PDB file of all heavy atoms in Angstrom:
ATOM      1  N   THR A   1       0.826  -1.249  -0.027  1.00  0.00           N
ATOM      2  CA  THR A   1       0.009   0.003   0.024  1.00  0.00           C
ATOM      3  C   THR A   1       0.853   1.266  -0.001  1.00  0.00           C
ATOM      4  O   THR A   1       0.346   2.354   0.139  1.00  0.00           O
ATOM      5  CB  THR A   1      -0.961   0.031   1.203  1.00  0.00           C
ATOM      6  OG1 THR A   1      -0.174  -0.022   2.426  1.00  0.00           O
ATOM      7  CG2 THR A   1      -1.959  -1.079   1.152  1.00  0.00           C
ATOM      8  N   ASN A   2       2.177   1.108  -0.137  1.00  0.00           N
ATOM      9  CA  ASN A   2       3.069   2.251  -0.123  1.00  0.00           C
ATOM     10  C   ASN A   2       2.919   3.086   1.172  1.00  0.00           C
ATOM     11  O   ASN A   2       2.860   4.278   1.100  1.00  0.00           O
ATOM     12  CB  ASN A   2       2.794   3.144  -1.295  1.00  0.00           C
ATOM     13  CG  ASN A   2       4.020   3.268  -2.248  1.00  0.00           C
ATOM     14  OD1 ASN A   2       5.036   2.694  -1.976  1.00  0.00           O
ATOM     15  ND2 ASN A   2       3.849   3.989  -3.266  1.00  0.00           N
ATOM     16  N   SER A   3       2.758   2.402   2.257  1.00  0.00           N
ATOM     17  CA  SER A   3       2.582   3.091   3.533  1.00  0.00           C
ATOM     18  C   SER A   3       3.661   2.584   4.523  1.00  0.00           C
ATOM     19  O   SER A   3       4.500   1.762   4.193  1.00  0.00           O
ATOM     20  CB  SER A   3       1.174   2.782   4.084  1.00  0.00           C
ATOM     21  OG  SER A   3       1.010   1.434   4.359  1.00  0.00           O
ATOM     22  N   ALA A   4       3.574   3.074   5.744  1.00  0.00           N
ATOM     23  CA  ALA A   4       4.479   2.639   6.790  1.00  0.00           C
ATOM     24  C   ALA A   4       3.612   2.205   7.982  1.00  0.00           C
ATOM     25  O   ALA A   4       2.672   2.892   8.321  1.00  0.00           O
ATOM     26  CB  ALA A   4       5.411   3.752   7.216  1.00  0.00           C
ATOM     27  N   TRP A   5       3.992   1.105   8.597  1.00  0.00           N
ATOM     28  CA  TRP A   5       3.241   0.791   9.814  1.00  0.00           C
ATOM     29  C   TRP A   5       3.967   1.455  10.956  1.00  0.00           C
ATOM     30  O   TRP A   5       5.148   1.325  11.127  1.00  0.00           O
ATOM     31  CB  TRP A   5       2.960  -0.705   9.990  1.00  0.00           C
ATOM     32  CG  TRP A   5       4.058  -1.652  10.222  1.00  0.00           C
ATOM     33  CD1 TRP A   5       4.867  -2.339   9.269  1.00  0.00           C
ATOM     34  CD2 TRP A   5       4.557  -2.151  11.478  1.00  0.00           C
ATOM     35  NE1 TRP A   5       5.737  -3.136   9.884  1.00  0.00           N
ATOM     36  CE2 TRP A   5       5.591  -3.063  11.237  1.00  0.00           C
ATOM     37  CE3 TRP A   5       4.222  -1.907  12.815  1.00  0.00           C
ATOM     38  CZ2 TRP A   5       6.264  -3.739  12.216  1.00  0.00           C
ATOM     39  CZ3 TRP A   5       4.917  -2.548  13.833  1.00  0.00           C
ATOM     40  CH2 TRP A   5       5.958  -3.466  13.502  1.00  0.00           C
ATOM     41  N   VAL A   6       3.192   2.181  11.742  1.00  0.00           N
ATOM     42  CA  VAL A   6       3.768   3.032  12.766  1.00  0.00           C
ATOM     43  C   VAL A   6       3.489   2.550  14.182  1.00  0.00           C
ATOM     44  O   VAL A   6       3.925   3.127  15.159  1.00  0.00           O
ATOM     45  CB  VAL A   6       3.275   4.516  12.595  1.00  0.00           C
ATOM     46  CG1 VAL A   6       3.815   5.082  11.301  1.00  0.00           C
ATOM     47  CG2 VAL A   6       1.749   4.584  12.672  1.00  0.00           C
ATOM     48  N   GLY A   7       2.694   1.515  14.298  1.00  0.00           N
ATOM     49  CA  GLY A   7       2.432   0.938  15.595  1.00  0.00           C
ATOM     50  C   GLY A   7       1.695  -0.389  15.473  1.00  0.00           C
ATOM     51  O   GLY A   7       1.025  -0.657  14.495  1.00  0.00           O
ATOM     52  N   MET A   8       1.820  -1.182  16.564  1.00  0.00           N
ATOM     53  CA  MET A   8       1.118  -2.469  16.561  1.00  0.00           C
ATOM     54  C   MET A   8       0.769  -2.789  18.053  1.00  0.00           C
ATOM     55  O   MET A   8       1.655  -2.758  18.894  1.00  0.00           O
ATOM     56  CB  MET A   8       1.940  -3.571  15.960  1.00  0.00           C
ATOM     57  CG  MET A   8       1.233  -4.910  15.928  1.00  0.00           C
ATOM     58  SD  MET A   8       2.209  -6.244  15.221  1.00  0.00           S
ATOM     59  CE  MET A   8       2.599  -5.646  13.613  1.00  0.00           C
ATOM     60  N   VAL A   9      -0.485  -3.040  18.295  1.00  0.00           N
ATOM     61  CA  VAL A   9      -0.939  -3.441  19.588  1.00  0.00           C
ATOM     62  C   VAL A   9      -1.787  -4.722  19.384  1.00  0.00           C
ATOM     63  O   VAL A   9      -2.847  -4.666  18.711  1.00  0.00           O
ATOM     64  CB  VAL A   9      -1.785  -2.363  20.291  1.00  0.00           C
ATOM     65  CG1 VAL A   9      -2.280  -2.876  21.630  1.00  0.00           C
ATOM     66  CG2 VAL A   9      -0.961  -1.081  20.457  1.00  0.00           C
ATOM     67  N   GLY A  10      -1.275  -5.798  19.899  1.00  0.00           N
ATOM     68  CA  GLY A  10      -1.942  -7.075  19.666  1.00  0.00           C
ATOM     69  C   GLY A  10      -2.021  -7.420  18.195  1.00  0.00           C
ATOM     70  O   GLY A  10      -0.973  -7.539  17.551  1.00  0.00           O
ATOM     71  N   PHE A  11      -3.242  -7.555  17.678  1.00  0.00           N
ATOM     72  CA  PHE A  11      -3.407  -7.923  16.250  1.00  0.00           C
ATOM     73  C   PHE A  11      -3.858  -6.747  15.430  1.00  0.00           C
ATOM     74  O   PHE A  11      -4.338  -6.878  14.307  1.00  0.00           O
ATOM     75  CB  PHE A  11      -4.419  -9.095  16.081  1.00  0.00           C
ATOM     76  CG  PHE A  11      -3.936 -10.290  16.738  1.00  0.00           C
ATOM     77  CD1 PHE A  11      -4.442 -10.717  17.995  1.00  0.00           C
ATOM     78  CD2 PHE A  11      -2.921 -11.092  16.203  1.00  0.00           C
ATOM     79  CE1 PHE A  11      -4.018 -11.887  18.580  1.00  0.00           C
ATOM     80  CE2 PHE A  11      -2.467 -12.235  16.807  1.00  0.00           C
ATOM     81  CZ  PHE A  11      -3.013 -12.631  18.025  1.00  0.00           C
ATOM     82  N   VAL A  12      -3.672  -5.515  15.964  1.00  0.00           N
ATOM     83  CA  VAL A  12      -4.057  -4.340  15.253  1.00  0.00           C
ATOM     84  C   VAL A  12      -2.832  -3.505  14.830  1.00  0.00           C
ATOM     85  O   VAL A  12      -2.019  -3.150  15.742  1.00  0.00           O
ATOM     86  CB  VAL A  12      -5.013  -3.443  16.097  1.00  0.00           C
ATOM     87  CG1 VAL A  12      -5.378  -2.137  15.354  1.00  0.00           C
ATOM     88  CG2 VAL A  12      -6.273  -4.223  16.446  1.00  0.00           C
ATOM     89  N   VAL A  13      -2.638  -3.282  13.570  1.00  0.00           N
ATOM     90  CA  VAL A  13      -1.535  -2.525  13.080  1.00  0.00           C
ATOM     91  C   VAL A  13      -2.032  -1.126  12.628  1.00  0.00           C
ATOM     92  O   VAL A  13      -3.109  -1.065  12.040  1.00  0.00           O
ATOM     93  CB  VAL A  13      -0.783  -3.258  11.918  1.00  0.00           C
ATOM     94  CG1 VAL A  13      -1.670  -3.477  10.760  1.00  0.00           C
ATOM     95  CG2 VAL A  13       0.461  -2.526  11.468  1.00  0.00           C
ATOM     96  N   THR A  14      -1.250  -0.091  12.942  1.00  0.00           N
ATOM     97  CA  THR A  14      -1.586   1.254  12.533  1.00  0.00           C
ATOM     98  C   THR A  14      -0.750   1.626  11.340  1.00  0.00           C
ATOM     99  O   THR A  14       0.528   1.538  11.449  1.00  0.00           O
ATOM    100  CB  THR A  14      -1.386   2.253  13.687  1.00  0.00           C
ATOM    101  OG1 THR A  14      -2.171   1.822  14.805  1.00  0.00           O
ATOM    102  CG2 THR A  14      -1.837   3.661  13.327  1.00  0.00           C
ATOM    103  N   LEU A  15      -1.343   1.992  10.276  1.00  0.00           N
ATOM    104  CA  LEU A  15      -0.648   2.337   9.024  1.00  0.00           C
ATOM    105  C   LEU A  15      -0.786   3.815   8.758  1.00  0.00           C
ATOM    106  O   LEU A  15      -1.790   4.448   9.007  1.00  0.00           O
ATOM    107  CB  LEU A  15      -1.282   1.593   7.822  1.00  0.00           C
ATOM    108  CG  LEU A  15      -1.178   0.060   7.861  1.00  0.00           C
ATOM    109  CD1 LEU A  15      -2.048  -0.531   6.743  1.00  0.00           C
ATOM    110  CD2 LEU A  15       0.228  -0.403   7.765  1.00  0.00           C
ATOM    111  N   TYR A  16       0.294   4.413   8.173  1.00  0.00           N
ATOM    112  CA  TYR A  16       0.247   5.835   7.793  1.00  0.00           C
ATOM    113  C   TYR A  16       0.833   5.976   6.394  1.00  0.00           C
ATOM    114  O   TYR A  16       1.834   5.365   5.989  1.00  0.00           O
ATOM    115  CB  TYR A  16       1.195   6.657   8.776  1.00  0.00           C
ATOM    116  CG  TYR A  16       1.351   8.071   8.320  1.00  0.00           C
ATOM    117  CD1 TYR A  16       0.330   8.985   8.478  1.00  0.00           C
ATOM    118  CD2 TYR A  16       2.542   8.468   7.723  1.00  0.00           C
ATOM    119  CE1 TYR A  16       0.472  10.313   7.998  1.00  0.00           C
ATOM    120  CE2 TYR A  16       2.695   9.771   7.253  1.00  0.00           C
ATOM    121  CZ  TYR A  16       1.628  10.696   7.449  1.00  0.00           C
ATOM    122  OH  TYR A  16       1.813  11.943   7.007  1.00  0.00           O
ATOM    123  N   ARG A  17       0.136   6.824   5.660  1.00  0.00           N
ATOM    124  CA  ARG A  17       0.627   7.234   4.311  1.00  0.00           C
ATOM    125  C   ARG A  17       0.196   8.713   4.131  1.00  0.00           C
ATOM    126  O   ARG A  17      -0.982   9.033   4.209  1.00  0.00           O
ATOM    127  CB  ARG A  17       0.072   6.398   3.204  1.00  0.00           C
ATOM    128  CG  ARG A  17       0.608   6.823   1.812  1.00  0.00           C
ATOM    129  CD  ARG A  17       0.126   5.893   0.706  1.00  0.00           C
ATOM    130  NE  ARG A  17      -1.291   6.028   0.502  1.00  0.00           N
ATOM    131  CZ  ARG A  17      -2.035   5.115  -0.094  1.00  0.00           C
ATOM    132  NH1 ARG A  17      -1.522   3.981  -0.511  1.00  0.00           N
ATOM    133  NH2 ARG A  17      -3.310   5.274  -0.262  1.00  0.00           N
ATOM    134  N   GLN A  18       1.166   9.571   3.839  1.00  0.00           N
ATOM    135  CA  GLN A  18       0.915  10.964   3.713  1.00  0.00           C
ATOM    136  C   GLN A  18       0.052  11.235   2.407  1.00  0.00           C
ATOM    137  O   GLN A  18       0.383  10.642   1.403  1.00  0.00           O
ATOM    138  CB  GLN A  18       2.193  11.774   3.653  1.00  0.00           C
ATOM    139  CG  GLN A  18       1.991  13.273   3.680  1.00  0.00           C
ATOM    140  CD  GLN A  18       3.304  14.029   3.765  1.00  0.00           C
ATOM    141  OE1 GLN A  18       4.241  13.659   3.074  1.00  0.00           O
ATOM    142  NE2 GLN A  18       3.350  15.024   4.594  1.00  0.00           N
ATOM    143  N   GLN A  19      -0.952  12.046   2.561  1.00  0.00           N
ATOM    144  CA  GLN A  19      -1.757  12.449   1.458  1.00  0.00           C
ATOM    145  C   GLN A  19      -0.912  13.181   0.420  1.00  0.00           C
ATOM    146  O   GLN A  19      -0.092  14.061   0.779  1.00  0.00           O
ATOM    147  CB  GLN A  19      -2.885  13.347   1.936  1.00  0.00           C
ATOM    148  CG  GLN A  19      -3.793  13.957   0.870  1.00  0.00           C
ATOM    149  CD  GLN A  19      -4.456  12.944  -0.029  1.00  0.00           C
ATOM    150  OE1 GLN A  19      -4.102  12.928  -1.192  1.00  0.00           O
ATOM    151  NE2 GLN A  19      -5.436  12.209   0.485  1.00  0.00           N
ATOM    152  N   GLU A  20      -1.016  12.869  -0.852  1.00  0.00           N
ATOM    153  CA  GLU A  20      -0.235  13.514  -1.889  1.00  0.00           C
ATOM    154  C   GLU A  20      -0.555  14.958  -2.085  1.00  0.00           C
ATOM    155  O   GLU A  20       0.293  15.792  -2.367  1.00  0.00           O
ATOM    156  CB  GLU A  20      -0.361  12.720  -3.212  1.00  0.00           C
ATOM    157  CG  GLU A  20       0.251  11.385  -3.223  1.00  0.00           C
ATOM    158  CD  GLU A  20       0.082  10.638  -4.513  1.00  0.00           C
ATOM    159  OE1 GLU A  20      -0.350  11.242  -5.513  1.00  0.00           O
ATOM    160  OE2 GLU A  20       0.357   9.419  -4.530  1.00  0.00           O
ATOM    161  N   ASP A  21      -1.840  15.326  -1.961  1.00  0.00           N
ATOM    162  CA  ASP A  21      -2.301  16.675  -2.126  1.00  0.00           C
ATOM    163  C   ASP A  21      -2.120  17.439  -0.814  1.00  0.00           C
ATOM    164  O   ASP A  21      -2.777  17.124   0.163  1.00  0.00           O
ATOM    165  CB  ASP A  21      -3.745  16.686  -2.535  1.00  0.00           C
ATOM    166  CG  ASP A  21      -4.299  18.050  -2.850  1.00  0.00           C
ATOM    167  OD1 ASP A  21      -3.592  19.056  -2.618  1.00  0.00           O
ATOM    168  OD2 ASP A  21      -5.462  18.157  -3.274  1.00  0.00           O
ATOM    169  N   PRO A  22      -1.231  18.445  -0.778  1.00  0.00           N
ATOM    170  CA  PRO A  22      -1.004  19.191   0.482  1.00  0.00           C
ATOM    171  C   PRO A  22      -2.256  19.823   1.058  1.00  0.00           C
ATOM    172  O   PRO A  22      -2.334  19.966   2.293  1.00  0.00           O
ATOM    173  CB  PRO A  22       0.014  20.238   0.104  1.00  0.00           C
ATOM    174  CG  PRO A  22       0.640  19.812  -1.190  1.00  0.00           C
ATOM    175  CD  PRO A  22      -0.370  18.891  -1.838  1.00  0.00           C
ATOM    176  N   GLU A  23      -3.201  20.186   0.273  1.00  0.00           N
ATOM    177  CA  GLU A  23      -4.414  20.816   0.745  1.00  0.00           C
ATOM    178  C   GLU A  23      -5.350  19.819   1.459  1.00  0.00           C
ATOM    179  O   GLU A  23      -6.204  20.208   2.275  1.00  0.00           O
ATOM    180  CB  GLU A  23      -5.174  21.491  -0.358  1.00  0.00           C
ATOM    181  CG  GLU A  23      -4.413  22.690  -0.931  1.00  0.00           C
ATOM    182  CD  GLU A  23      -5.165  23.396  -2.062  1.00  0.00           C
ATOM    183  OE1 GLU A  23      -6.365  23.069  -2.304  1.00  0.00           O
ATOM    184  OE2 GLU A  23      -4.541  24.285  -2.669  1.00  0.00           O
ATOM    185  N   LYS A  24      -5.174  18.527   1.168  1.00  0.00           N
ATOM    186  CA  LYS A  24      -6.052  17.508   1.751  1.00  0.00           C
ATOM    187  C   LYS A  24      -5.427  16.836   2.977  1.00  0.00           C
ATOM    188  O   LYS A  24      -6.000  16.021   3.606  1.00  0.00           O
ATOM    189  CB  LYS A  24      -6.399  16.441   0.706  1.00  0.00           C
ATOM    190  CG  LYS A  24      -7.261  16.952  -0.421  1.00  0.00           C
ATOM    191  CD  LYS A  24      -7.613  15.815  -1.368  1.00  0.00           C
ATOM    192  CE  LYS A  24      -8.517  16.300  -2.482  1.00  0.00           C
ATOM    193  NZ  LYS A  24      -8.821  15.226  -3.428  1.00  0.00           N
ATOM    194  N   ARG A  25      -4.180  17.168   3.274  1.00  0.00           N
ATOM    195  CA  ARG A  25      -3.490  16.557   4.441  1.00  0.00           C
ATOM    196  C   ARG A  25      -4.152  16.946   5.719  1.00  0.00           C
ATOM    197  O   ARG A  25      -4.443  18.113   5.995  1.00  0.00           O
ATOM    198  CB  ARG A  25      -2.011  16.997   4.462  1.00  0.00           C
ATOM    199  CG  ARG A  25      -1.232  16.427   3.341  1.00  0.00           C
ATOM    200  CD  ARG A  25       0.238  16.727   3.391  1.00  0.00           C
ATOM    201  NE  ARG A  25       0.873  16.206   2.162  1.00  0.00           N
ATOM    202  CZ  ARG A  25       1.951  16.755   1.674  1.00  0.00           C
ATOM    203  NH1 ARG A  25       2.553  17.764   2.251  1.00  0.00           N
ATOM    204  NH2 ARG A  25       2.437  16.246   0.547  1.00  0.00           N
ATOM    205  N   THR A  26      -4.360  15.946   6.573  1.00  0.00           N
ATOM    206  CA  THR A  26      -4.954  16.215   7.891  1.00  0.00           C
ATOM    207  C   THR A  26      -3.964  16.059   8.996  1.00  0.00           C
ATOM    208  O   THR A  26      -4.212  16.504  10.120  1.00  0.00           O
ATOM    209  CB  THR A  26      -6.112  15.232   8.129  1.00  0.00           C
ATOM    210  OG1 THR A  26      -5.687  13.867   7.982  1.00  0.00           O
ATOM    211  CG2 THR A  26      -7.236  15.469   7.134  1.00  0.00           C
ATOM    212  N   ILE A  27      -2.831  15.481   8.737  1.00  0.00           N
ATOM    213  CA  ILE A  27      -1.801  15.198   9.724  1.00  0.00           C
ATOM    214  C   ILE A  27      -0.577  16.016   9.385  1.00  0.00           C
ATOM    215  O   ILE A  27      -0.028  15.896   8.275  1.00  0.00           O
ATOM    216  CB  ILE A  27      -1.428  13.717   9.872  1.00  0.00           C
ATOM    217  CG1 ILE A  27      -2.669  12.952  10.287  1.00  0.00           C
ATOM    218  CG2 ILE A  27      -0.293  13.501  10.850  1.00  0.00           C
ATOM    219  CD1 ILE A  27      -2.527  11.465  10.256  1.00  0.00           C
ATOM    220  N   GLU A  28      -0.117  16.850  10.329  1.00  0.00           N
ATOM    221  CA  GLU A  28       1.090  17.681  10.101  1.00  0.00           C
ATOM    222  C   GLU A  28       2.240  16.981  10.805  1.00  0.00           C
ATOM    223  O   GLU A  28       2.203  16.792  12.047  1.00  0.00           O
ATOM    224  CB  GLU A  28       0.888  19.089  10.635  1.00  0.00           C
ATOM    225  CG  GLU A  28      -0.169  19.889   9.854  1.00  0.00           C
ATOM    226  CD  GLU A  28       0.323  20.216   8.464  1.00  0.00           C
ATOM    227  OE1 GLU A  28       1.535  20.451   8.231  1.00  0.00           O
ATOM    228  OE2 GLU A  28      -0.555  20.207   7.572  1.00  0.00           O
TER     229      GLU A  28
END
């Protein structure tokens, strides 16, 4: 998915991928 997994707790993985469009980014 071209992302990075940034955390894992039990069987839940948290994935992050920066939005390509700077105007649509919600995470700074």
